[in-house]
């Protein structure tokens, strides 16, 4: 279970980085009318919560 919690934490942290890059690209787009439909900020915040909680479980079990 320790390895799986660490894997979840790493995957969620990677998703956080991806969501932040996508949100940065959305904020700095050239065409203002070209809006997206993905809530990148919410995805980033949710993934950070998952990463922190799974890292806490991983550390608690270790």
N, C-alpha and C. Protein backbone atom coordinates (compact mmCIF):
# COMPACT_ATOMS: atom_id res chain seq x y z
N UNK A 1 0.82 -1.19 0.00
CA UNK A 1 0.00 0.00 0.00
C UNK A 1 0.86 1.26 0.00
N UNK A 2 2.07 1.17 0.56
CA UNK A 2 2.93 2.34 0.59
C UNK A 2 3.31 2.80 -0.81
N UNK A 3 3.64 1.86 -1.65
CA UNK A 3 4.06 2.21 -3.01
C UNK A 3 2.89 2.79 -3.79
N UNK A 4 1.69 2.26 -3.58
CA UNK A 4 0.54 2.77 -4.32
C UNK A 4 0.19 4.19 -3.90
N UNK A 5 0.32 4.52 -2.61
CA UNK A 5 0.05 5.89 -2.16
C UNK A 5 1.10 6.85 -2.70
N UNK A 6 2.33 6.40 -2.76
CA UNK A 6 3.38 7.24 -3.34
C UNK A 6 3.12 7.45 -4.83
N UNK A 7 2.67 6.43 -5.52
CA UNK A 7 2.37 6.54 -6.94
C UNK A 7 1.21 7.51 -7.18
N UNK A 8 0.19 7.43 -6.34
CA UNK A 8 -0.94 8.35 -6.45
C UNK A 8 -0.48 9.78 -6.21
N UNK A 9 0.37 9.96 -5.23
CA UNK A 9 0.87 11.30 -4.93
C UNK A 9 1.70 11.87 -6.08
N UNK A 10 2.54 11.05 -6.67
CA UNK A 10 3.36 11.51 -7.80
C UNK A 10 2.48 11.81 -9.02
N UNK A 11 1.50 10.97 -9.28
CA UNK A 11 0.60 11.20 -10.41
C UNK A 11 -0.21 12.47 -10.21
N UNK A 12 -0.69 12.71 -9.00
CA UNK A 12 -1.47 13.91 -8.73
C UNK A 12 -0.61 15.17 -8.83
N UNK A 13 0.64 15.07 -8.38
CA UNK A 13 1.55 16.21 -8.51
C UNK A 13 1.85 16.51 -9.98
N UNK A 14 1.99 15.46 -10.77
CA UNK A 14 2.21 15.65 -12.21
C UNK A 14 0.99 16.29 -12.86
N UNK A 15 -0.20 15.85 -12.47
CA UNK A 15 -1.43 16.46 -12.98
C UNK A 15 -1.53 17.92 -12.56
N UNK A 16 -1.08 18.25 -11.36
CA UNK A 16 -1.07 19.63 -10.91
C UNK A 16 -0.20 20.49 -11.81
N UNK A 17 0.99 20.01 -12.12
CA UNK A 17 1.90 20.77 -12.99
C UNK A 17 1.28 20.95 -14.38
N UNK A 18 0.70 19.89 -14.90
CA UNK A 18 0.05 19.97 -16.21
C UNK A 18 -1.11 20.97 -16.21
N UNK A 19 -1.91 20.97 -15.15
CA UNK A 19 -3.04 21.88 -15.07
C UNK A 19 -2.58 23.33 -14.93
N UNK A 20 -1.51 23.54 -14.19
CA UNK A 20 -0.99 24.91 -14.05
C UNK A 20 -0.44 25.43 -15.38
N UNK A 21 0.25 24.57 -16.12
CA UNK A 21 0.76 24.98 -17.44
C UNK A 21 -0.40 25.29 -18.38
N UNK A 22 -1.42 24.45 -18.37
CA UNK A 22 -2.58 24.68 -19.22
C UNK A 22 -3.32 25.96 -18.83
N UNK A 23 -3.43 26.23 -17.53
CA UNK A 23 -4.08 27.46 -17.08
C UNK A 23 -3.26 28.68 -17.47
N UNK A 24 -1.94 28.58 -17.37
CA UNK A 24 -1.08 29.68 -17.79
C UNK A 24 -1.24 29.96 -19.29
N UNK A 25 -1.31 28.88 -20.08
CA UNK A 25 -1.50 29.05 -21.52
C UNK A 25 -2.86 29.67 -21.84
N UNK A 26 -3.89 29.28 -21.06
CA UNK A 26 -5.22 29.84 -21.27
C UNK A 26 -5.24 31.33 -20.92
N UNK A 27 -4.58 31.71 -19.86
CA UNK A 27 -4.56 33.13 -19.47
C UNK A 27 -3.78 33.98 -20.45
N UNK A 28 -2.76 33.42 -21.10
CA UNK A 28 -1.89 34.19 -22.00
C UNK A 28 -2.18 33.90 -23.48
N UNK A 29 -3.40 33.54 -23.81
CA UNK A 29 -3.74 33.23 -25.21
C UNK A 29 -3.82 34.52 -26.02
N UNK A 30 -3.60 34.38 -27.31
CA UNK A 30 -3.63 35.54 -28.20
C UNK A 30 -5.05 35.94 -28.55
N UNK A 31 -5.89 34.96 -28.81
CA UNK A 31 -7.28 35.24 -29.19
C UNK A 31 -8.15 35.20 -27.94
N UNK A 32 -8.60 36.35 -27.50
CA UNK A 32 -9.38 36.45 -26.27
C UNK A 32 -10.72 35.72 -26.40
N UNK A 33 -11.25 35.65 -27.60
CA UNK A 33 -12.55 35.00 -27.81
C UNK A 33 -12.45 33.48 -27.85
N UNK A 34 -11.26 32.96 -27.91
CA UNK A 34 -11.07 31.51 -27.96
C UNK A 34 -11.04 30.95 -26.53
N UNK A 35 -12.23 30.75 -25.99
CA UNK A 35 -12.31 30.30 -24.59
C UNK A 35 -12.31 28.78 -24.54
N UNK A 36 -11.82 28.25 -23.46
CA UNK A 36 -11.79 26.81 -23.27
C UNK A 36 -12.93 26.36 -22.38
N UNK A 37 -13.02 25.07 -22.18
CA UNK A 37 -14.11 24.53 -21.36
C UNK A 37 -13.60 23.76 -20.15
N UNK A 38 -12.28 23.63 -20.02
CA UNK A 38 -11.73 22.87 -18.90
C UNK A 38 -11.48 23.81 -17.71
N UNK A 39 -11.93 23.43 -16.53
CA UNK A 39 -11.67 24.24 -15.33
C UNK A 39 -10.29 23.95 -14.76
N UNK A 40 -9.25 24.48 -15.38
CA UNK A 40 -7.89 24.12 -15.03
C UNK A 40 -7.54 24.47 -13.59
N UNK A 41 -8.06 25.59 -13.10
CA UNK A 41 -7.76 25.98 -11.71
C UNK A 41 -8.36 24.96 -10.73
N UNK A 42 -9.58 24.52 -10.98
CA UNK A 42 -10.21 23.53 -10.10
C UNK A 42 -9.48 22.19 -10.18
N UNK A 43 -9.06 21.81 -11.37
CA UNK A 43 -8.31 20.56 -11.53
C UNK A 43 -6.99 20.65 -10.77
N UNK A 44 -6.33 21.80 -10.82
CA UNK A 44 -5.06 21.97 -10.11
C UNK A 44 -5.27 21.89 -8.60
N UNK A 45 -6.30 22.54 -8.10
CA UNK A 45 -6.53 22.53 -6.65
C UNK A 45 -6.93 21.13 -6.15
N UNK A 46 -7.75 20.44 -6.93
CA UNK A 46 -8.14 19.09 -6.55
C UNK A 46 -6.94 18.14 -6.58
N UNK A 47 -6.10 18.28 -7.58
CA UNK A 47 -4.94 17.39 -7.67
C UNK A 47 -3.93 17.68 -6.57
N UNK A 48 -3.80 18.92 -6.16
CA UNK A 48 -2.90 19.23 -5.04
C UNK A 48 -3.45 18.65 -3.75
N UNK A 49 -4.76 18.68 -3.57
CA UNK A 49 -5.36 18.09 -2.37
C UNK A 49 -5.14 16.58 -2.34
N UNK A 50 -5.31 15.94 -3.48
CA UNK A 50 -5.08 14.49 -3.57
C UNK A 50 -3.61 14.16 -3.32
N UNK A 51 -2.73 14.95 -3.90
CA UNK A 51 -1.29 14.70 -3.72
C UNK A 51 -0.88 14.84 -2.26
N UNK A 52 -1.37 15.87 -1.60
CA UNK A 52 -1.00 16.08 -0.20
C UNK A 52 -1.58 15.02 0.72
N UNK A 53 -2.84 14.67 0.48
CA UNK A 53 -3.45 13.66 1.35
C UNK A 53 -2.84 12.28 1.14
N UNK A 54 -2.56 11.92 -0.09
CA UNK A 54 -1.94 10.61 -0.32
C UNK A 54 -0.50 10.58 0.18
N UNK A 55 0.20 11.71 0.10
CA UNK A 55 1.56 11.77 0.65
C UNK A 55 1.51 11.66 2.18
N UNK A 56 0.49 12.25 2.80
CA UNK A 56 0.35 12.14 4.25
C UNK A 56 0.06 10.69 4.66
N UNK A 57 -0.78 10.01 3.91
CA UNK A 57 -1.07 8.59 4.20
C UNK A 57 0.19 7.76 4.00
N UNK A 58 0.93 8.05 2.95
CA UNK A 58 2.17 7.31 2.68
C UNK A 58 3.18 7.51 3.80
N UNK A 59 3.32 8.75 4.28
CA UNK A 59 4.26 9.02 5.37
C UNK A 59 3.79 8.41 6.69
N UNK A 60 2.50 8.39 6.91
CA UNK A 60 1.96 7.83 8.15
C UNK A 60 2.18 6.32 8.23
N UNK A 61 2.10 5.65 7.08
CA UNK A 61 2.27 4.21 7.06
C UNK A 61 3.73 3.79 7.12
N UNK A 62 4.60 4.70 6.72
CA UNK A 62 6.01 4.35 6.66
C UNK A 62 6.62 4.32 7.98
